[in-house]
Amino acid sequence: MTEAAVFMSGNSQAVRLPKPFRFQGSSVEIFRRGDEVVLREKRQTLAQALGDWPEISADEARAWAEAIRDAAPPPQDRDWTNLLGTPPAP
């Protein structure tokens, strides 16, 4: 098991993480699980993840919209009388 140094940094206690345990981001989540203190990389929100994507051109956006439109199945006709017992309102 790997050990890490614990020290004071101002009024906070800090842990020096060995190189194999370094985090990619600048923020971590911390919580207790029984007698353990768990650190894990903070999960991105969907908005943050989408913000990392490169911008697309107007032509690319138009092509994407056309592809989605063409891929969508047509609306289904349903016999609502079996479900509701009455015909649908016009």
PDB file of N, CA and C in Angstrom:
ATOM      1  N   MET A   1       0.846  -1.170   0.000  1.00  0.00           N
ATOM      2  CA  MET A   1       0.000   0.000   0.000  1.00  0.00           C
ATOM      3  C   MET A   1       0.892   1.233   0.000  1.00  0.00           C
ATOM      4  N   THR A   2       0.536   2.215  -0.803  1.00  0.00           N
ATOM      5  CA  THR A   2       1.305   3.455  -0.906  1.00  0.00           C
ATOM      6  C   THR A   2       0.944   4.391   0.240  1.00  0.00           C
ATOM      7  N   GLU A   3       1.920   5.093   0.768  1.00  0.00           N
ATOM      8  CA  GLU A   3       1.689   6.073   1.825  1.00  0.00           C
ATOM      9  C   GLU A   3       1.937   7.467   1.280  1.00  0.00           C
ATOM     10  N   ALA A   4       1.298   8.461   1.907  1.00  0.00           N
ATOM     11  CA  ALA A   4       1.466   9.853   1.503  1.00  0.00           C
ATOM     12  C   ALA A   4       1.679  10.704   2.744  1.00  0.00           C
ATOM     13  N   ALA A   5       2.392  11.814   2.575  1.00  0.00           N
ATOM     14  CA  ALA A   5       2.673  12.724   3.681  1.00  0.00           C
ATOM     15  C   ALA A   5       1.470  13.613   3.953  1.00  0.00           C
ATOM     16  N   VAL A   6       1.179  13.823   5.244  1.00  0.00           N
ATOM     17  CA  VAL A   6       0.130  14.739   5.684  1.00  0.00           C
ATOM     18  C   VAL A   6       0.829  15.925   6.323  1.00  0.00           C
ATOM     19  N   PHE A   7       0.395  17.161   5.990  1.00  0.00           N
ATOM     20  CA  PHE A   7       1.023  18.356   6.545  1.00  0.00           C
ATOM     21  C   PHE A   7       0.002  19.476   6.633  1.00  0.00           C
ATOM     22  N   MET A   8       0.350  20.536   7.317  1.00  0.00           N
ATOM     23  CA  MET A   8      -0.519  21.696   7.441  1.00  0.00           C
ATOM     24  C   MET A   8      -0.152  22.708   6.356  1.00  0.00           C
ATOM     25  N   SER A   9      -1.180  23.280   5.754  1.00  0.00           N
ATOM     26  CA  SER A   9      -1.013  24.337   4.757  1.00  0.00           C
ATOM     27  C   SER A   9      -1.948  25.462   5.182  1.00  0.00           C
ATOM     28  N   GLY A  10      -1.393  26.467   5.851  1.00  0.00           N
ATOM     29  CA  GLY A  10      -2.249  27.502   6.449  1.00  0.00           C
ATOM     30  C   GLY A  10      -3.064  26.869   7.556  1.00  0.00           C
ATOM     31  N   ASN A  11      -4.387  27.046   7.517  1.00  0.00           N
ATOM     32  CA  ASN A  11      -5.260  26.443   8.522  1.00  0.00           C
ATOM     33  C   ASN A  11      -5.858  25.123   8.043  1.00  0.00           C
ATOM     34  N   SER A  12      -5.405  24.619   6.913  1.00  0.00           N
ATOM     35  CA  SER A  12      -5.946  23.375   6.351  1.00  0.00           C
ATOM     36  C   SER A  12      -4.926  22.258   6.434  1.00  0.00           C
ATOM     37  N   GLN A  13      -5.432  21.047   6.574  1.00  0.00           N
ATOM     38  CA  GLN A  13      -4.571  19.876   6.508  1.00  0.00           C
ATOM     39  C   GLN A  13      -4.504  19.453   5.047  1.00  0.00           C
ATOM     40  N   ALA A  14      -3.329  19.082   4.592  1.00  0.00           N
ATOM     41  CA  ALA A  14      -3.142  18.702   3.192  1.00  0.00           C
ATOM     42  C   ALA A  14      -2.437  17.359   3.111  1.00  0.00           C
ATOM     43  N   VAL A  15      -2.595  16.708   1.961  1.00  0.00           N
ATOM     44  CA  VAL A  15      -1.942  15.431   1.695  1.00  0.00           C
ATOM     45  C   VAL A  15      -1.160  15.584   0.401  1.00  0.00           C
ATOM     46  N   ARG A  16       0.094  15.211   0.424  1.00  0.00           N
ATOM     47  CA  ARG A  16       0.916  15.250  -0.794  1.00  0.00           C
ATOM     48  C   ARG A  16       0.713  13.924  -1.525  1.00  0.00           C
ATOM     49  N   LEU A  17       0.082  13.992  -2.699  1.00  0.00           N
ATOM     50  CA  LEU A  17      -0.219  12.771  -3.451  1.00  0.00           C
ATOM     51  C   LEU A  17       0.988  12.327  -4.260  1.00  0.00           C
ATOM     52  N   PRO A  18       1.332  11.064  -4.198  1.00  0.00           N
ATOM     53  CA  PRO A  18       2.408  10.552  -5.055  1.00  0.00           C
ATOM     54  C   PRO A  18       2.005  10.664  -6.536  1.00  0.00           C
ATOM     55  N   LYS A  19       2.976  10.694  -7.402  1.00  0.00           N
ATOM     56  CA  LYS A  19       2.754  10.903  -8.833  1.00  0.00           C
ATOM     57  C   LYS A  19       1.698   9.970  -9.434  1.00  0.00           C
ATOM     58  N   PRO A  20       1.658   8.677  -9.114  1.00  0.00           N
ATOM     59  CA  PRO A  20       0.646   7.805  -9.733  1.00  0.00           C
ATOM     60  C   PRO A  20      -0.800   8.156  -9.340  1.00  0.00           C
ATOM     61  N   PHE A  21      -0.963   9.004  -8.320  1.00  0.00           N
ATOM     62  CA  PHE A  21      -2.299   9.341  -7.833  1.00  0.00           C
ATOM     63  C   PHE A  21      -2.719  10.757  -8.206  1.00  0.00           C
ATOM     64  N   ARG A  22      -1.981  11.428  -9.061  1.00  0.00           N
ATOM     65  CA  ARG A  22      -2.299  12.805  -9.441  1.00  0.00           C
ATOM     66  C   ARG A  22      -3.639  12.870 -10.178  1.00  0.00           C
ATOM     67  N   PHE A  23      -4.307  14.012 -10.012  1.00  0.00           N
ATOM     68  CA  PHE A  23      -5.573  14.270 -10.683  1.00  0.00           C
ATOM     69  C   PHE A  23      -5.324  15.125 -11.917  1.00  0.00           C
ATOM     70  N   GLN A  24      -6.196  15.004 -12.911  1.00  0.00           N
ATOM     71  CA  GLN A  24      -6.071  15.794 -14.131  1.00  0.00           C
ATOM     72  C   GLN A  24      -6.607  17.216 -13.921  1.00  0.00           C
ATOM     73  N   GLY A  25      -7.746  17.335 -13.268  1.00  0.00           N
ATOM     74  CA  GLY A  25      -8.394  18.634 -13.107  1.00  0.00           C
ATOM     75  C   GLY A  25      -7.851  19.413 -11.929  1.00  0.00           C
ATOM     76  N   SER A  26      -8.493  20.551 -11.664  1.00  0.00           N
ATOM     77  CA  SER A  26      -8.052  21.405 -10.556  1.00  0.00           C
ATOM     78  C   SER A  26      -8.984  21.305  -9.358  1.00  0.00           C
ATOM     79  N   SER A  27      -9.980  20.428  -9.431  1.00  0.00           N
ATOM     80  CA  SER A  27     -10.947  20.299  -8.345  1.00  0.00           C
ATOM     81  C   SER A  27     -11.304  18.830  -8.149  1.00  0.00           C
ATOM     82  N   VAL A  28     -11.477  18.441  -6.889  1.00  0.00           N
ATOM     83  CA  VAL A  28     -11.865  17.068  -6.576  1.00  0.00           C
ATOM     84  C   VAL A  28     -13.062  17.086  -5.641  1.00  0.00           C
ATOM     85  N   GLU A  29     -13.814  15.993  -5.627  1.00  0.00           N
ATOM     86  CA  GLU A  29     -14.876  15.793  -4.650  1.00  0.00           C
ATOM     87  C   GLU A  29     -14.275  15.024  -3.486  1.00  0.00           C
ATOM     88  N   ILE A  30     -14.712  15.330  -2.278  1.00  0.00           N
ATOM     89  CA  ILE A  30     -14.220  14.631  -1.102  1.00  0.00           C
ATOM     90  C   ILE A  30     -15.421  14.227  -0.254  1.00  0.00           C
ATOM     91  N   PHE A  31     -15.395  12.990   0.235  1.00  0.00           N
ATOM     92  CA  PHE A  31     -16.480  12.518   1.093  1.00  0.00           C
ATOM     93  C   PHE A  31     -15.963  11.386   1.964  1.00  0.00           C
ATOM     94  N   ARG A  32     -16.718  11.093   2.998  1.00  0.00           N
ATOM     95  CA  ARG A  32     -16.372   9.989   3.894  1.00  0.00           C
ATOM     96  C   ARG A  32     -17.194   8.769   3.511  1.00  0.00           C
ATOM     97  N   ARG A  33     -16.546   7.622   3.558  1.00  0.00           N
ATOM     98  CA  ARG A  33     -17.209   6.332   3.338  1.00  0.00           C
ATOM     99  C   ARG A  33     -16.745   5.436   4.474  1.00  0.00           C
ATOM    100  N   GLY A  34     -17.577   5.380   5.531  1.00  0.00           N
ATOM    101  CA  GLY A  34     -17.166   4.649   6.726  1.00  0.00           C
ATOM    102  C   GLY A  34     -15.988   5.348   7.367  1.00  0.00           C
ATOM    103  N   ASP A  35     -14.878   4.619   7.556  1.00  0.00           N
ATOM    104  CA  ASP A  35     -13.694   5.227   8.154  1.00  0.00           C
ATOM    105  C   ASP A  35     -12.706   5.718   7.093  1.00  0.00           C
ATOM    106  N   GLU A  36     -13.122   5.758   5.832  1.00  0.00           N
ATOM    107  CA  GLU A  36     -12.258   6.214   4.740  1.00  0.00           C
ATOM    108  C   GLU A  36     -12.612   7.646   4.337  1.00  0.00           C
ATOM    109  N   VAL A  37     -11.620   8.375   3.879  1.00  0.00           N
ATOM    110  CA  VAL A  37     -11.831   9.668   3.232  1.00  0.00           C
ATOM    111  C   VAL A  37     -11.513   9.446   1.769  1.00  0.00           C
ATOM    112  N   VAL A  38     -12.480   9.714   0.897  1.00  0.00           N
ATOM    113  CA  VAL A  38     -12.341   9.412  -0.527  1.00  0.00           C
ATOM    114  C   VAL A  38     -12.213  10.710  -1.320  1.00  0.00           C
ATOM    115  N   LEU A  39     -11.211  10.773  -2.178  1.00  0.00           N
ATOM    116  CA  LEU A  39     -11.038  11.868  -3.126  1.00  0.00           C
ATOM    117  C   LEU A  39     -11.289  11.309  -4.516  1.00  0.00           C
ATOM    118  N   ARG A  40     -12.062  12.023  -5.315  1.00  0.00           N
ATOM    119  CA  ARG A  40     -12.228  11.605  -6.709  1.00  0.00           C
ATOM    120  C   ARG A  40     -12.368  12.833  -7.584  1.00  0.00           C
ATOM    121  N   GLU A  41     -11.958  12.684  -8.838  1.00  0.00           N
ATOM    122  CA  GLU A  41     -12.058  13.811  -9.753  1.00  0.00           C
ATOM    123  C   GLU A  41     -13.499  14.245  -9.855  1.00  0.00           C
ATOM    124  N   LYS A  42     -13.692  15.552  -9.846  1.00  0.00           N
ATOM    125  CA  LYS A  42     -15.034  16.106  -9.931  1.00  0.00           C
ATOM    126  C   LYS A  42     -15.598  15.806 -11.308  1.00  0.00           C
ATOM    127  N   ARG A  43     -16.802  15.285 -11.321  1.00  0.00           N
ATOM    128  CA  ARG A  43     -17.455  14.950 -12.590  1.00  0.00           C
ATOM    129  C   ARG A  43     -17.904  16.223 -13.280  1.00  0.00           C
ATOM    130  N   GLN A  44     -17.750  16.232 -14.581  1.00  0.00           N
ATOM    131  CA  GLN A  44     -18.200  17.379 -15.360  1.00  0.00           C
ATOM    132  C   GLN A  44     -19.714  17.340 -15.516  1.00  0.00           C
ATOM    133  N   THR A  45     -20.315  18.516 -15.567  1.00  0.00           N
ATOM    134  CA  THR A  45     -21.723  18.589 -15.922  1.00  0.00           C
ATOM    135  C   THR A  45     -21.816  18.463 -17.437  1.00  0.00           C
ATOM    136  N   LEU A  46     -22.993  18.195 -17.943  1.00  0.00           N
ATOM    137  CA  LEU A  46     -23.177  18.098 -19.392  1.00  0.00           C
ATOM    138  C   LEU A  46     -22.811  19.415 -20.063  1.00  0.00           C
ATOM    139  N   ALA A  47     -23.182  20.525 -19.451  1.00  0.00           N
ATOM    140  CA  ALA A  47     -22.865  21.840 -20.029  1.00  0.00           C
ATOM    141  C   ALA A  47     -21.351  22.039 -20.135  1.00  0.00           C
ATOM    142  N   GLN A  48     -20.609  21.618 -19.109  1.00  0.00           N
ATOM    143  CA  GLN A  48     -19.151  21.752 -19.155  1.00  0.00           C
ATOM    144  C   GLN A  48     -18.564  20.852 -20.234  1.00  0.00           C
ATOM    145  N   ALA A  49     -19.074  19.635 -20.340  1.00  0.00           N
ATOM    146  CA  ALA A  49     -18.564  18.704 -21.348  1.00  0.00           C
ATOM    147  C   ALA A  49     -18.841  19.234 -22.751  1.00  0.00           C
ATOM    148  N   LEU A  50     -20.037  19.756 -22.969  1.00  0.00           N
ATOM    149  CA  LEU A  50     -20.375  20.291 -24.295  1.00  0.00           C
ATOM    150  C   LEU A  50     -19.553  21.537 -24.598  1.00  0.00           C
ATOM    151  N   GLY A  51     -19.200  22.289 -23.561  1.00  0.00           N
ATOM    152  CA  GLY A  51     -18.374  23.474 -23.757  1.00  0.00           C
ATOM    153  C   GLY A  51     -16.978  23.138 -24.233  1.00  0.00           C
ATOM    154  N   ASP A  52     -16.532  21.910 -24.003  1.00  0.00           N
ATOM    155  CA  ASP A  52     -15.210  21.472 -24.451  1.00  0.00           C
ATOM    156  C   ASP A  52     -15.193  21.093 -25.929  1.00  0.00           C
ATOM    157  N   TRP A  53     -16.372  20.907 -26.522  1.00  0.00           N
ATOM    158  CA  TRP A  53     -16.430  20.517 -27.930  1.00  0.00           C
ATOM    159  C   TRP A  53     -16.077  21.709 -28.810  1.00  0.00           C
ATOM    160  N   PRO A  54     -15.446  21.465 -29.949  1.00  0.00           N
ATOM    161  CA  PRO A  54     -15.146  22.575 -30.854  1.00  0.00           C
ATOM    162  C   PRO A  54     -16.429  23.092 -31.512  1.00  0.00           C
ATOM    163  N   GLU A  55     -16.435  24.372 -31.846  1.00  0.00           N
ATOM    164  CA  GLU A  55     -17.593  24.935 -32.526  1.00  0.00           C
ATOM    165  C   GLU A  55     -17.686  24.358 -33.933  1.00  0.00           C
ATOM    166  N   ILE A  56     -18.918  24.286 -34.447  1.00  0.00           N
ATOM    167  CA  ILE A  56     -19.109  23.778 -35.808  1.00  0.00           C
ATOM    168  C   ILE A  56     -19.575  24.916 -36.705  1.00  0.00           C
ATOM    169  N   SER A  57     -19.306  24.780 -37.983  1.00  0.00           N
ATOM    170  CA  SER A  57     -19.681  25.816 -38.937  1.00  0.00           C
ATOM    171  C   SER A  57     -21.174  25.733 -39.234  1.00  0.00           C
ATOM    172  N   ALA A  58     -21.689  26.749 -39.890  1.00  0.00           N
ATOM    173  CA  ALA A  58     -23.109  26.762 -40.263  1.00  0.00           C
ATOM    174  C   ALA A  58     -23.415  25.601 -41.208  1.00  0.00           C
ATOM    175  N   ASP A  59     -22.496  25.289 -42.122  1.00  0.00           N
ATOM    176  CA  ASP A  59     -22.700  24.165 -43.050  1.00  0.00           C
ATOM    177  C   ASP A  59     -22.761  22.839 -42.293  1.00  0.00           C
ATOM    178  N   GLU A  60     -21.882  22.680 -41.299  1.00  0.00           N
ATOM    179  CA  GLU A  60     -21.892  21.454 -40.500  1.00  0.00           C
ATOM    180  C   GLU A  60     -23.187  21.346 -39.688  1.00  0.00           C
ATOM    181  N   ALA A  61     -23.645  22.462 -39.138  1.00  0.00           N
ATOM    182  CA  ALA A  61     -24.890  22.465 -38.364  1.00  0.00           C
ATOM    183  C   ALA A  61     -26.071  22.103 -39.259  1.00  0.00           C
ATOM    184  N   ARG A  62     -26.099  22.642 -40.469  1.00  0.00           N
ATOM    185  CA  ARG A  62     -27.181  22.347 -41.420  1.00  0.00           C
ATOM    186  C   ARG A  62     -27.144  20.865 -41.799  1.00  0.00           C
ATOM    187  N   ALA A  63     -25.962  20.330 -42.071  1.00  0.00           N
ATOM    188  CA  ALA A  63     -25.835  18.917 -42.435  1.00  0.00           C
ATOM    189  C   ALA A  63     -26.280  18.030 -41.269  1.00  0.00           C
ATOM    190  N   TRP A  64     -25.934  18.415 -40.042  1.00  0.00           N
ATOM    191  CA  TRP A  64     -26.342  17.646 -38.860  1.00  0.00           C
ATOM    192  C   TRP A  64     -27.864  17.658 -38.725  1.00  0.00           C
ATOM    193  N   ALA A  65     -28.479  18.813 -38.874  1.00  0.00           N
ATOM    194  CA  ALA A  65     -29.939  18.922 -38.753  1.00  0.00           C
ATOM    195  C   ALA A  65     -30.641  18.079 -39.821  1.00  0.00           C
ATOM    196  N   GLU A  66     -30.111  18.092 -41.041  1.00  0.00           N
ATOM    197  CA  GLU A  66     -30.703  17.284 -42.112  1.00  0.00           C
ATOM    198  C   GLU A  66     -30.549  15.790 -41.813  1.00  0.00           C
ATOM    199  N   ALA A  67     -29.405  15.381 -41.305  1.00  0.00           N
ATOM    200  CA  ALA A  67     -29.177  13.968 -40.991  1.00  0.00           C
ATOM    201  C   ALA A  67     -30.126  13.503 -39.894  1.00  0.00           C
ATOM    202  N   ILE A  68     -30.326  14.316 -38.885  1.00  0.00           N
ATOM    203  CA  ILE A  68     -31.240  13.966 -37.796  1.00  0.00           C
ATOM    204  C   ILE A  68     -32.666  13.888 -38.314  1.00  0.00           C
ATOM    205  N   ARG A  69     -33.060  14.869 -39.124  1.00  0.00           N
ATOM    206  CA  ARG A  69     -34.419  14.886 -39.678  1.00  0.00           C
ATOM    207  C   ARG A  69     -34.656  13.643 -40.525  1.00  0.00           C
ATOM    208  N   ASP A  70     -33.694  13.288 -41.351  1.00  0.00           N
ATOM    209  CA  ASP A  70     -33.852  12.137 -42.248  1.00  0.00           C
ATOM    210  C   ASP A  70     -33.823  10.811 -41.489  1.00  0.00           C
ATOM    211  N   ALA A  71     -33.165  10.787 -40.329  1.00  0.00           N
ATOM    212  CA  ALA A  71     -33.040   9.548 -39.564  1.00  0.00           C
ATOM    213  C   ALA A  71     -34.258   9.286 -38.678  1.00  0.00           C
ATOM    214  N   ALA A  72     -35.054  10.326 -38.426  1.00  0.00           N
ATOM    215  CA  ALA A  72     -36.206  10.161 -37.528  1.00  0.00           C
ATOM    216  C   ALA A  72     -37.284   9.324 -38.215  1.00  0.00           C
ATOM    217  N   PRO A  73     -37.835   8.333 -37.510  1.00  0.00           N
ATOM    218  CA  PRO A  73     -38.901   7.525 -38.108  1.00  0.00           C
ATOM    219  C   PRO A  73     -40.188   8.351 -38.227  1.00  0.00           C
ATOM    220  N   PRO A  74     -41.044   8.017 -39.188  1.00  0.00           N
ATOM    221  CA  PRO A  74     -42.298   8.763 -39.324  1.00  0.00           C
ATOM    222  C   PRO A  74     -43.202   8.479 -38.123  1.00  0.00           C
ATOM    223  N   PRO A  75     -44.121   9.397 -37.810  1.00  0.00           N
ATOM    224  CA  PRO A  75     -45.028   9.153 -36.690  1.00  0.00           C
ATOM    225  C   PRO A  75     -45.870   7.906 -36.951  1.00  0.00           C
ATOM    226  N   GLN A  76     -46.192   7.193 -35.894  1.00  0.00           N
ATOM    227  CA  GLN A  76     -46.980   5.972 -36.031  1.00  0.00           C
ATOM    228  C   GLN A  76     -48.465   6.278 -35.923  1.00  0.00           C
ATOM    229  N   ASP A  77     -49.265   5.572 -36.737  1.00  0.00           N
ATOM    230  CA  ASP A  77     -50.710   5.635 -36.593  1.00  0.00           C
ATOM    231  C   ASP A  77     -51.091   4.607 -35.545  1.00  0.00           C
ATOM    232  N   ARG A  78     -51.917   4.999 -34.613  1.00  0.00           N
ATOM    233  CA  ARG A  78     -52.316   4.093 -33.538  1.00  0.00           C
ATOM    234  C   ARG A  78     -53.833   3.972 -33.495  1.00  0.00           C
ATOM    235  N   ASP A  79     -54.276   2.815 -33.091  1.00  0.00           N
ATOM    236  CA  ASP A  79     -55.698   2.574 -32.892  1.00  0.00           C
ATOM    237  C   ASP A  79     -55.991   2.820 -31.418  1.00  0.00           C
ATOM    238  N   TRP A  80     -56.406   4.034 -31.097  1.00  0.00           N
ATOM    239  CA  TRP A  80     -56.630   4.429 -29.711  1.00  0.00           C
ATOM    240  C   TRP A  80     -57.879   3.788 -29.108  1.00  0.00           C
ATOM    241  N   THR A  81     -58.753   3.259 -29.942  1.00  0.00           N
ATOM    242  CA  THR A  81     -59.980   2.651 -29.399  1.00  0.00           C
ATOM    243  C   THR A  81     -59.652   1.455 -28.525  1.00  0.00           C
ATOM    244  N   ASN A  82     -58.621   0.698 -28.873  1.00  0.00           N
ATOM    245  CA  ASN A  82     -58.229  -0.455 -28.045  1.00  0.00           C
ATOM    246  C   ASN A  82     -57.702   0.000 -26.687  1.00  0.00           C
ATOM    247  N   LEU A  83     -57.022   1.125 -26.662  1.00  0.00           N
ATOM    248  CA  LEU A  83     -56.449   1.607 -25.422  1.00  0.00           C
ATOM    249  C   LEU A  83     -57.458   2.388 -24.586  1.00  0.00           C
ATOM    250  N   LEU A  84     -58.188   3.306 -25.246  1.00  0.00           N
ATOM    251  CA  LEU A  84     -59.066   4.203 -24.515  1.00  0.00           C
ATOM    252  C   LEU A  84     -60.528   3.771 -24.539  1.00  0.00           C
ATOM    253  N   GLY A  85     -60.887   2.914 -25.479  1.00  0.00           N
ATOM    254  CA  GLY A  85     -62.268   2.503 -25.591  1.00  0.00           C
ATOM    255  C   GLY A  85     -63.128   3.467 -26.376  1.00  0.00           C
ATOM    256  N   THR A  86     -62.553   4.583 -26.780  1.00  0.00           N
ATOM    257  CA  THR A  86     -63.289   5.566 -27.591  1.00  0.00           C
ATOM    258  C   THR A  86     -62.384   6.055 -28.700  1.00  0.00           C
ATOM    259  N   PRO A  87     -62.977   6.487 -29.799  1.00  0.00           N
ATOM    260  CA  PRO A  87     -62.127   7.024 -30.886  1.00  0.00           C
ATOM    261  C   PRO A  87     -61.533   8.371 -30.469  1.00  0.00           C
ATOM    262  N   PRO A  88     -60.363   8.709 -31.022  1.00  0.00           N
ATOM    263  CA  PRO A  88     -59.741   9.991 -30.670  1.00  0.00           C
ATOM    264  C   PRO A  88     -60.556  11.170 -31.180  1.00  0.00           C
ATOM    265  N   ALA A  89     -60.457  12.306 -30.497  1.00  0.00           N
ATOM    266  CA  ALA A  89     -61.147  13.515 -30.953  1.00  0.00           C
ATOM    267  C   ALA A  89     -60.468  14.015 -32.215  1.00  0.00           C
ATOM    268  N   PRO A  90     -61.274  14.526 -33.158  1.00  0.00           N
ATOM    269  CA  PRO A  90     -60.672  15.025 -34.421  1.00  0.00           C
ATOM    270  C   PRO A  90     -59.832  16.260 -34.226  1.00  0.00           C
TER     271      PRO A  90
END
